[in-house]
Amino acid sequence: MLGKSFDEHSPLFLQIKARIEDQIMSGALSEDEQVPSTTQIVQFYKINHITVAKGVNLLVDEGILYKKRGVGIFVSKGAKNMLIEKRKERFLTQYLKPMLAEAKKLSIEITALIGMMEQE
């Protein structure tokens, strides 16, 4: 499991969800691998069971995880690719589109913008 500290500006259940997503993205959890149980997560982070279940259930609802009754929760086939596509879309809407809009306001040409990005 990833670090114990949480950001106080975001709901805990979303942070649990994000941590599991990050583990899938990094390869720490792979397809058809069992994820830690909600009880294990509760004990590790010392947070409410309902909070953990809410974060995990969001991933189940999105098809990133699946439940095997009586066995546990597992990473779905294609979960990493689903997360990559979801994050690409989020990157586009949260970062790229606003950046391009601001560059247009500042009359920064695309080639100059690309040059700036390459320098970073």
PDB file of N, CA and C in Angstrom:
ATOM      1  N   MET A   1       0.834  -1.175   0.000  1.00  0.00           N
ATOM      2  CA  MET A   1       0.000   0.000   0.000  1.00  0.00           C
ATOM      3  C   MET A   1       0.881   1.243   0.000  1.00  0.00           C
ATOM      4  N   LEU A   2       0.324   2.285  -0.574  1.00  0.00           N
ATOM      5  CA  LEU A   2       1.079   3.531  -0.649  1.00  0.00           C
ATOM      6  C   LEU A   2       1.084   4.234   0.694  1.00  0.00           C
ATOM      7  N   GLY A   3       1.781   5.357   0.767  1.00  0.00           N
ATOM      8  CA  GLY A   3       1.960   6.109   2.004  1.00  0.00           C
ATOM      9  C   GLY A   3       0.695   6.298   2.810  1.00  0.00           C
ATOM     10  N   LYS A   4       0.880   6.591   4.079  1.00  0.00           N
ATOM     11  CA  LYS A   4      -0.251   6.698   4.997  1.00  0.00           C
ATOM     12  C   LYS A   4      -0.896   8.071   5.047  1.00  0.00           C
ATOM     13  N   SER A   5      -0.206   9.125   4.679  1.00  0.00           N
ATOM     14  CA  SER A   5      -0.766  10.462   4.853  1.00  0.00           C
ATOM     15  C   SER A   5      -1.809  10.780   3.772  1.00  0.00           C
ATOM     16  N   PHE A   6      -2.803  11.550   4.187  1.00  0.00           N
ATOM     17  CA  PHE A   6      -3.876  11.936   3.287  1.00  0.00           C
ATOM     18  C   PHE A   6      -3.904  13.446   3.129  1.00  0.00           C
ATOM     19  N   ASP A   7      -4.467  13.869   1.998  1.00  0.00           N
ATOM     20  CA  ASP A   7      -4.672  15.284   1.707  1.00  0.00           C
ATOM     21  C   ASP A   7      -5.984  15.695   2.366  1.00  0.00           C
ATOM     22  N   GLU A   8      -5.959  16.712   3.170  1.00  0.00           N
ATOM     23  CA  GLU A   8      -7.170  17.128   3.879  1.00  0.00           C
ATOM     24  C   GLU A   8      -8.165  17.870   2.992  1.00  0.00           C
ATOM     25  N   HIS A   9      -7.807  18.134   1.742  1.00  0.00           N
ATOM     26  CA  HIS A   9      -8.673  18.906   0.851  1.00  0.00           C
ATOM     27  C   HIS A   9      -9.532  18.036  -0.060  1.00  0.00           C
ATOM     28  N   SER A  10      -9.374  16.737   0.017  1.00  0.00           N
ATOM     29  CA  SER A  10     -10.117  15.826  -0.849  1.00  0.00           C
ATOM     30  C   SER A  10     -10.743  14.726   0.011  1.00  0.00           C
ATOM     31  N   PRO A  11     -11.956  14.285  -0.339  1.00  0.00           N
ATOM     32  CA  PRO A  11     -12.597  13.224   0.445  1.00  0.00           C
ATOM     33  C   PRO A  11     -11.725  11.962   0.502  1.00  0.00           C
ATOM     34  N   LEU A  12     -11.693  11.325   1.664  1.00  0.00           N
ATOM     35  CA  LEU A  12     -10.852  10.138   1.855  1.00  0.00           C
ATOM     36  C   LEU A  12     -11.200   9.017   0.882  1.00  0.00           C
ATOM     37  N   PHE A  13     -12.490   8.808   0.612  1.00  0.00           N
ATOM     38  CA  PHE A  13     -12.859   7.709  -0.275  1.00  0.00           C
ATOM     39  C   PHE A  13     -12.291   7.918  -1.679  1.00  0.00           C
ATOM     40  N   LEU A  14     -12.214   9.181  -2.126  1.00  0.00           N
ATOM     41  CA  LEU A  14     -11.611   9.454  -3.441  1.00  0.00           C
ATOM     42  C   LEU A  14     -10.101   9.245  -3.403  1.00  0.00           C
ATOM     43  N   GLN A  15      -9.487   9.509  -2.254  1.00  0.00           N
ATOM     44  CA  GLN A  15      -8.051   9.286  -2.131  1.00  0.00           C
ATOM     45  C   GLN A  15      -7.729   7.784  -2.093  1.00  0.00           C
ATOM     46  N   ILE A  16      -8.579   6.995  -1.454  1.00  0.00           N
ATOM     47  CA  ILE A  16      -8.407   5.536  -1.471  1.00  0.00           C
ATOM     48  C   ILE A  16      -8.539   5.037  -2.897  1.00  0.00           C
ATOM     49  N   LYS A  17      -9.547   5.512  -3.601  1.00  0.00           N
ATOM     50  CA  LYS A  17      -9.766   5.147  -5.008  1.00  0.00           C
ATOM     51  C   LYS A  17      -8.528   5.495  -5.833  1.00  0.00           C
ATOM     52  N   ALA A  18      -8.010   6.700  -5.656  1.00  0.00           N
ATOM     53  CA  ALA A  18      -6.848   7.159  -6.419  1.00  0.00           C
ATOM     54  C   ALA A  18      -5.609   6.324  -6.103  1.00  0.00           C
ATOM     55  N   ARG A  19      -5.447   5.929  -4.858  1.00  0.00           N
ATOM     56  CA  ARG A  19      -4.277   5.124  -4.485  1.00  0.00           C
ATOM     57  C   ARG A  19      -4.324   3.751  -5.134  1.00  0.00           C
ATOM     58  N   ILE A  20      -5.501   3.160  -5.189  1.00  0.00           N
ATOM     59  CA  ILE A  20      -5.634   1.865  -5.858  1.00  0.00           C
ATOM     60  C   ILE A  20      -5.383   2.034  -7.357  1.00  0.00           C
ATOM     61  N   GLU A  21      -5.929   3.096  -7.933  1.00  0.00           N
ATOM     62  CA  GLU A  21      -5.673   3.382  -9.351  1.00  0.00           C
ATOM     63  C   GLU A  21      -4.174   3.545  -9.610  1.00  0.00           C
ATOM     64  N   ASP A  22      -3.495   4.274  -8.738  1.00  0.00           N
ATOM     65  CA  ASP A  22      -2.054   4.480  -8.898  1.00  0.00           C
ATOM     66  C   ASP A  22      -1.290   3.161  -8.817  1.00  0.00           C
ATOM     67  N   GLN A  23      -1.733   2.266  -7.951  1.00  0.00           N
ATOM     68  CA  GLN A  23      -1.080   0.963  -7.847  1.00  0.00           C
ATOM     69  C   GLN A  23      -1.268   0.151  -9.129  1.00  0.00           C
ATOM     70  N   ILE A  24      -2.428   0.281  -9.734  1.00  0.00           N
ATOM     71  CA  ILE A  24      -2.675  -0.401 -11.010  1.00  0.00           C
ATOM     72  C   ILE A  24      -1.819   0.227 -12.102  1.00  0.00           C
ATOM     73  N   MET A  25      -1.774   1.547 -12.136  1.00  0.00           N
ATOM     74  CA  MET A  25      -0.986   2.255 -13.151  1.00  0.00           C
ATOM     75  C   MET A  25       0.505   1.929 -13.040  1.00  0.00           C
ATOM     76  N   SER A  26       1.004   1.796 -11.824  1.00  0.00           N
ATOM     77  CA  SER A  26       2.431   1.547 -11.619  1.00  0.00           C
ATOM     78  C   SER A  26       2.815   0.081 -11.817  1.00  0.00           C
ATOM     79  N   GLY A  27       1.809  -0.785 -11.887  1.00  0.00           N
ATOM     80  CA  GLY A  27       2.088  -2.211 -12.025  1.00  0.00           C
ATOM     81  C   GLY A  27       2.183  -2.931 -10.690  1.00  0.00           C
ATOM     82  N   ALA A  28       2.012  -2.208  -9.586  1.00  0.00           N
ATOM     83  CA  ALA A  28       2.031  -2.854  -8.269  1.00  0.00           C
ATOM     84  C   ALA A  28       0.857  -3.821  -8.125  1.00  0.00           C
ATOM     85  N   LEU A  29      -0.245  -3.523  -8.826  1.00  0.00           N
ATOM     86  CA  LEU A  29      -1.389  -4.436  -8.925  1.00  0.00           C
ATOM     87  C   LEU A  29      -1.612  -4.719 -10.405  1.00  0.00           C
ATOM     88  N   SER A  30      -1.686  -5.983 -10.757  1.00  0.00           N
ATOM     89  CA  SER A  30      -1.872  -6.334 -12.165  1.00  0.00           C
ATOM     90  C   SER A  30      -3.219  -7.020 -12.386  1.00  0.00           C
ATOM     91  N   GLU A  31      -3.561  -7.230 -13.643  1.00  0.00           N
ATOM     92  CA  GLU A  31      -4.847  -7.831 -14.002  1.00  0.00           C
ATOM     93  C   GLU A  31      -5.059  -9.152 -13.268  1.00  0.00           C
ATOM     94  N   ASP A  32      -6.263  -9.336 -12.795  1.00  0.00           N
ATOM     95  CA  ASP A  32      -6.703 -10.530 -12.067  1.00  0.00           C
ATOM     96  C   ASP A  32      -5.999 -10.738 -10.738  1.00  0.00           C
ATOM     97  N   GLU A  33      -5.235  -9.742 -10.293  1.00  0.00           N
ATOM     98  CA  GLU A  33      -4.599  -9.832  -8.980  1.00  0.00           C
ATOM     99  C   GLU A  33      -5.586  -9.345  -7.929  1.00  0.00           C
ATOM    100  N   GLN A  34      -5.577 -10.010  -6.790  1.00  0.00           N
ATOM    101  CA  GLN A  34      -6.453  -9.609  -5.700  1.00  0.00           C
ATOM    102  C   GLN A  34      -5.915  -8.351  -5.041  1.00  0.00           C
ATOM    103  N   VAL A  35      -6.801  -7.397  -4.822  1.00  0.00           N
ATOM    104  CA  VAL A  35      -6.418  -6.161  -4.131  1.00  0.00           C
ATOM    105  C   VAL A  35      -6.575  -6.398  -2.628  1.00  0.00           C
ATOM    106  N   PRO A  36      -5.895  -5.595  -1.816  1.00  0.00           N
ATOM    107  CA  PRO A  36      -6.086  -5.761  -0.370  1.00  0.00           C
ATOM    108  C   PRO A  36      -7.565  -5.631  -0.009  1.00  0.00           C
ATOM    109  N   SER A  37      -7.988  -6.403   0.962  1.00  0.00           N
ATOM    110  CA  SER A  37      -9.388  -6.354   1.388  1.00  0.00           C
ATOM    111  C   SER A  37      -9.690  -5.011   2.035  1.00  0.00           C
ATOM    112  N   THR A  38     -10.961  -4.694   2.101  1.00  0.00           N
ATOM    113  CA  THR A  38     -11.335  -3.436   2.752  1.00  0.00           C
ATOM    114  C   THR A  38     -10.888  -3.455   4.213  1.00  0.00           C
ATOM    115  N   THR A  39     -10.938  -4.610   4.849  1.00  0.00           N
ATOM    116  CA  THR A  39     -10.487  -4.726   6.234  1.00  0.00           C
ATOM    117  C   THR A  39      -8.995  -4.421   6.347  1.00  0.00           C
ATOM    118  N   GLN A  40      -8.193  -4.938   5.417  1.00  0.00           N
ATOM    119  CA  GLN A  40      -6.762  -4.659   5.429  1.00  0.00           C
ATOM    120  C   GLN A  40      -6.498  -3.167   5.236  1.00  0.00           C
ATOM    121  N   ILE A  41      -7.234  -2.563   4.311  1.00  0.00           N
ATOM    122  CA  ILE A  41      -7.053  -1.128   4.052  1.00  0.00           C
ATOM    123  C   ILE A  41      -7.464  -0.319   5.278  1.00  0.00           C
ATOM    124  N   VAL A  42      -8.581  -0.695   5.907  1.00  0.00           N
ATOM    125  CA  VAL A  42      -9.055  -0.022   7.118  1.00  0.00           C
ATOM    126  C   VAL A  42      -7.990  -0.093   8.210  1.00  0.00           C
ATOM    127  N   GLN A  43      -7.425  -1.266   8.408  1.00  0.00           N
ATOM    128  CA  GLN A  43      -6.417  -1.439   9.460  1.00  0.00           C
ATOM    129  C   GLN A  43      -5.138  -0.674   9.136  1.00  0.00           C
ATOM    130  N   PHE A  44      -4.743  -0.665   7.873  1.00  0.00           N
ATOM    131  CA  PHE A  44      -3.517   0.003   7.477  1.00  0.00           C
ATOM    132  C   PHE A  44      -3.627   1.514   7.649  1.00  0.00           C
ATOM    133  N   TYR A  45      -4.732   2.086   7.168  1.00  0.00           N
ATOM    134  CA  TYR A  45      -4.893   3.541   7.200  1.00  0.00           C
ATOM    135  C   TYR A  45      -5.606   4.052   8.451  1.00  0.00           C
ATOM    136  N   LYS A  46      -6.214   3.149   9.213  1.00  0.00           N
ATOM    137  CA  LYS A  46      -6.950   3.531  10.419  1.00  0.00           C
ATOM    138  C   LYS A  46      -8.089   4.496  10.089  1.00  0.00           C
ATOM    139  N   ILE A  47      -8.879   4.107   9.088  1.00  0.00           N
ATOM    140  CA  ILE A  47     -10.037   4.915   8.697  1.00  0.00           C
ATOM    141  C   ILE A  47     -11.286   4.036   8.670  1.00  0.00           C
ATOM    142  N   ASN A  48     -12.425   4.659   8.552  1.00  0.00           N
ATOM    143  CA  ASN A  48     -13.719   4.002   8.598  1.00  0.00           C
ATOM    144  C   ASN A  48     -13.910   3.019   7.436  1.00  0.00           C
ATOM    145  N   HIS A  49     -14.518   1.886   7.758  1.00  0.00           N
ATOM    146  CA  HIS A  49     -14.783   0.837   6.761  1.00  0.00           C
ATOM    147  C   HIS A  49     -15.680   1.341   5.635  1.00  0.00           C
ATOM    148  N   ILE A  50     -16.668   2.148   5.962  1.00  0.00           N
ATOM    149  CA  ILE A  50     -17.595   2.672   4.949  1.00  0.00           C
ATOM    150  C   ILE A  50     -16.849   3.571   3.960  1.00  0.00           C
ATOM    151  N   THR A  51     -15.901   4.331   4.462  1.00  0.00           N
ATOM    152  CA  THR A  51     -15.099   5.209   3.602  1.00  0.00           C
ATOM    153  C   THR A  51     -14.312   4.383   2.595  1.00  0.00           C
ATOM    154  N   VAL A  52     -13.666   3.331   3.069  1.00  0.00           N
ATOM    155  CA  VAL A  52     -12.875   2.455   2.192  1.00  0.00           C
ATOM    156  C   VAL A  52     -13.794   1.777   1.178  1.00  0.00           C
ATOM    157  N   ALA A  53     -14.904   1.237   1.663  1.00  0.00           N
ATOM    158  CA  ALA A  53     -15.836   0.534   0.774  1.00  0.00           C
ATOM    159  C   ALA A  53     -16.361   1.456  -0.321  1.00  0.00           C
ATOM    160  N   LYS A  54     -16.608   2.699   0.019  1.00  0.00           N
ATOM    161  CA  LYS A  54     -17.107   3.660  -0.968  1.00  0.00           C
ATOM    162  C   LYS A  54     -16.085   3.874  -2.086  1.00  0.00           C
ATOM    163  N   GLY A  55     -14.804   4.026  -1.722  1.00  0.00           N
ATOM    164  CA  GLY A  55     -13.748   4.192  -2.729  1.00  0.00           C
ATOM    165  C   GLY A  55     -13.589   2.959  -3.601  1.00  0.00           C
ATOM    166  N   VAL A  56     -13.596   1.797  -2.980  1.00  0.00           N
ATOM    167  CA  VAL A  56     -13.452   0.539  -3.723  1.00  0.00           C
ATOM    168  C   VAL A  56     -14.656   0.319  -4.631  1.00  0.00           C
ATOM    169  N   ASN A  57     -15.863   0.583  -4.115  1.00  0.00           N
ATOM    170  CA  ASN A  57     -17.069   0.371  -4.912  1.00  0.00           C
ATOM    171  C   ASN A  57     -17.140   1.280  -6.130  1.00  0.00           C
ATOM    172  N   LEU A  58     -16.570   2.468  -6.041  1.00  0.00           N
ATOM    173  CA  LEU A  58     -16.505   3.330  -7.223  1.00  0.00           C
ATOM    174  C   LEU A  58     -15.690   2.649  -8.326  1.00  0.00           C
ATOM    175  N   LEU A  59     -14.591   2.010  -7.939  1.00  0.00           N
ATOM    176  CA  LEU A  59     -13.755   1.314  -8.923  1.00  0.00           C
ATOM    177  C   LEU A  59     -14.471   0.088  -9.482  1.00  0.00           C
ATOM    178  N   VAL A  60     -15.257  -0.569  -8.657  1.00  0.00           N
ATOM    179  CA  VAL A  60     -16.063  -1.703  -9.142  1.00  0.00           C
ATOM    180  C   VAL A  60     -17.102  -1.189 -10.134  1.00  0.00           C
ATOM    181  N   ASP A  61     -17.766  -0.093  -9.789  1.00  0.00           N
ATOM    182  CA  ASP A  61     -18.778   0.494 -10.671  1.00  0.00           C
ATOM    183  C   ASP A  61     -18.194   0.908 -12.022  1.00  0.00           C
ATOM    184  N   GLU A  62     -16.926   1.355 -12.024  1.00  0.00           N
ATOM    185  CA  GLU A  62     -16.255   1.774 -13.253  1.00  0.00           C
ATOM    186  C   GLU A  62     -15.688   0.599 -14.046  1.00  0.00           C
ATOM    187  N   GLY A  63     -15.735  -0.604 -13.468  1.00  0.00           N
ATOM    188  CA  GLY A  63     -15.205  -1.774 -14.155  1.00  0.00           C
ATOM    189  C   GLY A  63     -13.701  -1.948 -13.994  1.00  0.00           C
ATOM    190  N   ILE A  64     -13.081  -1.161 -13.134  1.00  0.00           N
ATOM    191  CA  ILE A  64     -11.640  -1.263 -12.884  1.00  0.00           C
ATOM    192  C   ILE A  64     -11.357  -2.476 -11.991  1.00  0.00           C
ATOM    193  N   LEU A  65     -12.237  -2.703 -11.043  1.00  0.00           N
ATOM    194  CA  LEU A  65     -12.152  -3.865 -10.151  1.00  0.00           C
ATOM    195  C   LEU A  65     -13.403  -4.712 -10.311  1.00  0.00           C
ATOM    196  N   TYR A  66     -13.296  -5.976  -9.930  1.00  0.00           N
ATOM    197  CA  TYR A  66     -14.478  -6.843  -9.898  1.00  0.00           C
ATOM    198  C   TYR A  66     -14.442  -7.684  -8.637  1.00  0.00           C
ATOM    199  N   LYS A  67     -15.623  -8.066  -8.193  1.00  0.00           N
ATOM    200  CA  LYS A  67     -15.755  -8.843  -6.963  1.00  0.00           C
ATOM    201  C   LYS A  67     -16.016 -10.308  -7.293  1.00  0.00           C
ATOM    202  N   LYS A  68     -15.362 -11.181  -6.544  1.00  0.00           N
ATOM    203  CA  LYS A  68     -15.675 -12.611  -6.558  1.00  0.00           C
ATOM    204  C   LYS A  68     -16.289 -12.906  -5.197  1.00  0.00           C
ATOM    205  N   ARG A  69     -17.547 -13.211  -5.221  1.00  0.00           N
ATOM    206  CA  ARG A  69     -18.280 -13.411  -3.966  1.00  0.00           C
ATOM    207  C   ARG A  69     -17.577 -14.441  -3.079  1.00  0.00           C
ATOM    208  N   GLY A  70     -17.321 -14.031  -1.846  1.00  0.00           N
ATOM    209  CA  GLY A  70     -16.703 -14.924  -0.884  1.00  0.00           C
ATOM    210  C   GLY A  70     -15.197 -15.071  -1.036  1.00  0.00           C
ATOM    211  N   VAL A  71     -14.621 -14.444  -2.065  1.00  0.00           N
ATOM    212  CA  VAL A  71     -13.182 -14.576  -2.314  1.00  0.00           C
ATOM    213  C   VAL A  71     -12.465 -13.250  -2.121  1.00  0.00           C
ATOM    214  N   GLY A  72     -12.976 -12.189  -2.758  1.00  0.00           N
ATOM    215  CA  GLY A  72     -12.344 -10.889  -2.634  1.00  0.00           C
ATOM    216  C   GLY A  72     -12.573 -10.012  -3.840  1.00  0.00           C
ATOM    217  N   ILE A  73     -11.757  -8.985  -3.952  1.00  0.00           N
ATOM    218  CA  ILE A  73     -11.863  -8.010  -5.032  1.00  0.00           C
ATOM    219  C   ILE A  73     -10.585  -8.085  -5.854  1.00  0.00           C
ATOM    220  N   PHE A  74     -10.744  -8.031  -7.181  1.00  0.00           N
ATOM    221  CA  PHE A  74      -9.637  -8.245  -8.096  1.00  0.00           C
ATOM    222  C   PHE A  74      -9.575  -7.143  -9.152  1.00  0.00           C
ATOM    223  N   VAL A  75      -8.398  -6.995  -9.751  1.00  0.00           N
ATOM    224  CA  VAL A  75      -8.200  -6.030 -10.829  1.00  0.00           C
ATOM    225  C   VAL A  75      -8.764  -6.628 -12.118  1.00  0.00           C
ATOM    226  N   SER A  76      -9.600  -5.865 -12.794  1.00  0.00           N
ATOM    227  CA  SER A  76     -10.222  -6.318 -14.044  1.00  0.00           C
ATOM    228  C   SER A  76      -9.213  -6.381 -15.175  1.00  0.00           C
ATOM    229  N   LYS A  77      -9.498  -7.245 -16.145  1.00  0.00           N
ATOM    230  CA  LYS A  77      -8.694  -7.282 -17.370  1.00  0.00           C
ATOM    231  C   LYS A  77      -8.846  -5.937 -18.075  1.00  0.00           C
ATOM    232  N   GLY A  78      -7.749  -5.385 -18.532  1.00  0.00           N
ATOM    233  CA  GLY A  78      -7.784  -4.113 -19.230  1.00  0.00           C
ATOM    234  C   GLY A  78      -7.906  -2.900 -18.320  1.00  0.00           C
ATOM    235  N   ALA A  79      -7.807  -3.099 -17.005  1.00  0.00           N
ATOM    236  CA  ALA A  79      -7.985  -1.988 -16.058  1.00  0.00           C
ATOM    237  C   ALA A  79      -6.964  -0.885 -16.288  1.00  0.00           C
ATOM    238  N   LYS A  80      -5.714  -1.262 -16.510  1.00  0.00           N
ATOM    239  CA  LYS A  80      -4.681  -0.241 -16.702  1.00  0.00           C
ATOM    240  C   LYS A  80      -4.976   0.594 -17.940  1.00  0.00           C
ATOM    241  N   ASN A  81      -5.378  -0.051 -19.024  1.00  0.00           N
ATOM    242  CA  ASN A  81      -5.718   0.684 -20.249  1.00  0.00           C
ATOM    243  C   ASN A  81      -6.927   1.589 -20.042  1.00  0.00           C
ATOM    244  N   MET A  82      -7.919   1.112 -19.284  1.00  0.00           N
ATOM    245  CA  MET A  82      -9.082   1.952 -18.982  1.00  0.00           C
ATOM    246  C   MET A  82      -8.650   3.192 -18.198  1.00  0.00           C
ATOM    247  N   LEU A  83      -7.754   2.994 -17.236  1.00  0.00           N
ATOM    248  CA  LEU A  83      -7.274   4.121 -16.440  1.00  0.00           C
ATOM    249  C   LEU A  83      -6.449   5.083 -17.274  1.00  0.00           C
ATOM    250  N   ILE A  84      -5.630   4.550 -18.160  1.00  0.00           N
ATOM    251  CA  ILE A  84      -4.839   5.417 -19.041  1.00  0.00           C
ATOM    252  C   ILE A  84      -5.754   6.287 -19.887  1.00  0.00           C
ATOM    253  N   GLU A  85      -6.778   5.696 -20.488  1.00  0.00           N
ATOM    254  CA  GLU A  85      -7.705   6.458 -21.320  1.00  0.00           C
ATOM    255  C   GLU A  85      -8.449   7.512 -20.498  1.00  0.00           C
ATOM    256  N   LYS A  86      -8.880   7.123 -19.300  1.00  0.00           N
ATOM    257  CA  LYS A  86      -9.585   8.060 -18.420  1.00  0.00           C
ATOM    258  C   LYS A  86      -8.669   9.222 -18.033  1.00  0.00           C
ATOM    259  N   ARG A  87      -7.427   8.921 -17.737  1.00  0.00           N
ATOM    260  CA  ARG A  87      -6.483   9.960 -17.333  1.00  0.00           C
ATOM    261  C   ARG A  87      -6.064  10.834 -18.513  1.00  0.00           C
ATOM    262  N   LYS A  88      -5.996  10.262 -19.696  1.00  0.00           N
ATOM    263  CA  LYS A  88      -5.706  11.082 -20.882  1.00  0.00           C
ATOM    264  C   LYS A  88      -6.811  12.105 -21.090  1.00  0.00           C
ATOM    265  N   GLU A  89      -8.042  11.657 -20.955  1.00  0.00           N
ATOM    266  CA  GLU A  89      -9.189  12.571 -21.109  1.00  0.00           C
ATOM    267  C   GLU A  89      -9.153  13.659 -20.036  1.00  0.00           C
ATOM    268  N   ARG A  90      -8.860  13.278 -18.795  1.00  0.00           N
ATOM    269  CA  ARG A  90      -8.760  14.254 -17.709  1.00  0.00           C
ATOM    270  C   ARG A  90      -7.615  15.233 -17.969  1.00  0.00           C
ATOM    271  N   PHE A  91      -6.490  14.732 -18.469  1.00  0.00           N
ATOM    272  CA  PHE A  91      -5.346  15.585 -18.795  1.00  0.00           C
ATOM    273  C   PHE A  91      -5.738  16.607 -19.863  1.00  0.00           C
ATOM    274  N   LEU A  92      -6.473  16.134 -20.857  1.00  0.00           N
ATOM    275  CA  LEU A  92      -6.917  17.015 -21.934  1.00  0.00           C
ATOM    276  C   LEU A  92      -7.815  18.124 -21.395  1.00  0.00           C
ATOM    277  N   THR A  93      -8.806  17.757 -20.600  1.00  0.00           N
ATOM    278  CA  THR A  93      -9.773  18.755 -20.138  1.00  0.00           C
ATOM    279  C   THR A  93      -9.246  19.640 -19.012  1.00  0.00           C
ATOM    280  N   GLN A  94      -8.430  19.079 -18.121  1.00  0.00           N
ATOM    281  CA  GLN A  94      -7.967  19.867 -16.971  1.00  0.00           C
ATOM    282  C   GLN A  94      -6.705  20.669 -17.245  1.00  0.00           C
ATOM    283  N   TYR A  95      -5.872  20.195 -18.150  1.00  0.00           N
ATOM    284  CA  TYR A  95      -4.579  20.849 -18.351  1.00  0.00           C
ATOM    285  C   TYR A  95      -4.377  21.383 -19.763  1.00  0.00           C
ATOM    286  N   LEU A  96      -4.555  20.524 -20.750  1.00  0.00           N
ATOM    287  CA  LEU A  96      -4.201  20.907 -22.115  1.00  0.00           C
ATOM    288  C   LEU A  96      -5.120  21.986 -22.685  1.00  0.00           C
ATOM    289  N   LYS A  97      -6.427  21.802 -22.580  1.00  0.00           N
ATOM    290  CA  LYS A  97      -7.348  22.804 -23.125  1.00  0.00           C
ATOM    291  C   LYS A  97      -7.184  24.165 -22.454  1.00  0.00           C
ATOM    292  N   PRO A  98      -7.103  24.212 -21.112  1.00  0.00           N
ATOM    293  CA  PRO A  98      -6.870  25.526 -20.485  1.00  0.00           C
ATOM    294  C   PRO A  98      -5.519  26.128 -20.881  1.00  0.00           C
ATOM    295  N   MET A  99      -4.493  25.303 -21.009  1.00  0.00           N
ATOM    296  CA  MET A  99      -3.182  25.806 -21.404  1.00  0.00           C
ATOM    297  C   MET A  99      -3.234  26.390 -22.814  1.00  0.00           C
ATOM    298  N   LEU A 100      -3.883  25.692 -23.724  1.00  0.00           N
ATOM    299  CA  LEU A 100      -4.000  26.186 -25.102  1.00  0.00           C
ATOM    300  C   LEU A 100      -4.825  27.470 -25.157  1.00  0.00           C
ATOM    301  N   ALA A 101      -5.861  27.556 -24.355  1.00  0.00           N
ATOM    302  CA  ALA A 101      -6.676  28.772 -24.317  1.00  0.00           C
ATOM    303  C   ALA A 101      -5.844  29.954 -23.812  1.00  0.00           C
ATOM    304  N   GLU A 102      -5.045  29.723 -22.780  1.00  0.00           N
ATOM    305  CA  GLU A 102      -4.202  30.783 -22.243  1.00  0.00           C
ATOM    306  C   GLU A 102      -3.117  31.168 -23.245  1.00  0.00           C
ATOM    307  N   ALA A 103      -2.547  30.180 -23.911  1.00  0.00           N
ATOM    308  CA  ALA A 103      -1.521  30.464 -24.928  1.00  0.00           C
ATOM    309  C   ALA A 103      -2.108  31.322 -26.048  1.00  0.00           C
ATOM    310  N   LYS A 104      -3.348  31.045 -26.413  1.00  0.00           N
ATOM    311  CA  LYS A 104      -4.015  31.829 -27.462  1.00  0.00           C
ATOM    312  C   LYS A 104      -4.201  33.276 -27.005  1.00  0.00           C
ATOM    313  N   LYS A 105      -4.612  33.457 -25.736  1.00  0.00           N
ATOM    314  CA  LYS A 105      -4.778  34.807 -25.191  1.00  0.00           C
ATOM    315  C   LYS A 105      -3.468  35.578 -25.209  1.00  0.00           C
ATOM    316  N   LEU A 106      -2.370  34.857 -24.994  1.00  0.00           N
ATOM    317  CA  LEU A 106      -1.044  35.481 -24.938  1.00  0.00           C
ATOM    318  C   LEU A 106      -0.357  35.528 -26.308  1.00  0.00           C
ATOM    319  N   SER A 107      -1.077  35.112 -27.341  1.00  0.00           N
ATOM    320  CA  SER A 107      -0.553  35.071 -28.714  1.00  0.00           C
ATOM    321  C   SER A 107       0.720  34.217 -28.830  1.00  0.00           C
ATOM    322  N   ILE A 108       0.743  33.122 -28.103  1.00  0.00           N
ATOM    323  CA  ILE A 108       1.867  32.195 -28.196  1.00  0.00           C
ATOM    324  C   ILE A 108       1.537  31.167 -29.273  1.00  0.00           C
ATOM    325  N   GLU A 109       2.383  31.110 -30.279  1.00  0.00           N
ATOM    326  CA  GLU A 109       2.191  30.155 -31.369  1.00  0.00           C
ATOM    327  C   GLU A 109       2.434  28.726 -30.861  1.00  0.00           C
ATOM    328  N   ILE A 110       1.808  27.775 -31.525  1.00  0.00           N
ATOM    329  CA  ILE A 110       1.935  26.363 -31.135  1.00  0.00           C
ATOM    330  C   ILE A 110       3.398  25.925 -31.138  1.00  0.00           C
ATOM    331  N   THR A 111       4.149  26.320 -32.163  1.00  0.00           N
ATOM    332  CA  THR A 111       5.553  25.906 -32.229  1.00  0.00           C
ATOM    333  C   THR A 111       6.348  26.463 -31.047  1.00  0.00           C
ATOM    334  N   ALA A 112       6.047  27.709 -30.647  1.00  0.00           N
ATOM    335  CA  ALA A 112       6.722  28.294 -29.483  1.00  0.00           C
ATOM    336  C   ALA A 112       6.320  27.553 -28.208  1.00  0.00           C
ATOM    337  N   LEU A 113       5.053  27.185 -28.136  1.00  0.00           N
ATOM    338  CA  LEU A 113       4.556  26.452 -26.979  1.00  0.00           C
ATOM    339  C   LEU A 113       5.240  25.088 -26.874  1.00  0.00           C
ATOM    340  N   ILE A 114       5.365  24.421 -27.992  1.00  0.00           N
ATOM    341  CA  ILE A 114       6.049  23.128 -28.013  1.00  0.00           C
ATOM    342  C   ILE A 114       7.516  23.315 -27.579  1.00  0.00           C
ATOM    343  N   GLY A 115       8.140  24.366 -28.055  1.00  0.00           N
ATOM    344  CA  GLY A 115       9.520  24.666 -27.647  1.00  0.00           C
ATOM    345  C   GLY A 115       9.623  24.856 -26.144  1.00  0.00           C
ATOM    346  N   MET A 116       8.665  25.579 -25.566  1.00  0.00           N
ATOM    347  CA  MET A 116       8.648  25.786 -24.107  1.00  0.00           C
ATOM    348  C   MET A 116       8.543  24.454 -23.369  1.00  0.00           C
ATOM    349  N   MET A 117       7.660  23.582 -23.863  1.00  0.00           N
ATOM    350  CA  MET A 117       7.461  22.286 -23.220  1.00  0.00           C
ATOM    351  C   MET A 117       8.715  21.429 -23.337  1.00  0.00           C
ATOM    352  N   GLU A 118       9.377  21.487 -24.464  1.00  0.00           N
ATOM    353  CA  GLU A 118      10.600  20.700 -24.657  1.00  0.00           C
ATOM    354  C   GLU A 118      11.708  21.173 -23.722  1.00  0.00           C
ATOM    355  N   GLN A 119      11.742  22.462 -23.423  1.00  0.00           N
ATOM    356  CA  GLN A 119      12.752  22.987 -22.492  1.00  0.00           C
ATOM    357  C   GLN A 119      12.525  22.484 -21.077  1.00  0.00           C
ATOM    358  N   GLU A 120      11.278  22.240 -20.746  1.00  0.00           N
ATOM    359  CA  GLU A 120      10.956  21.736 -19.403  1.00  0.00           C
ATOM    360  C   GLU A 120      11.189  20.264 -19.384  1.00  0.00           C
TER     361      GLU A 120
END
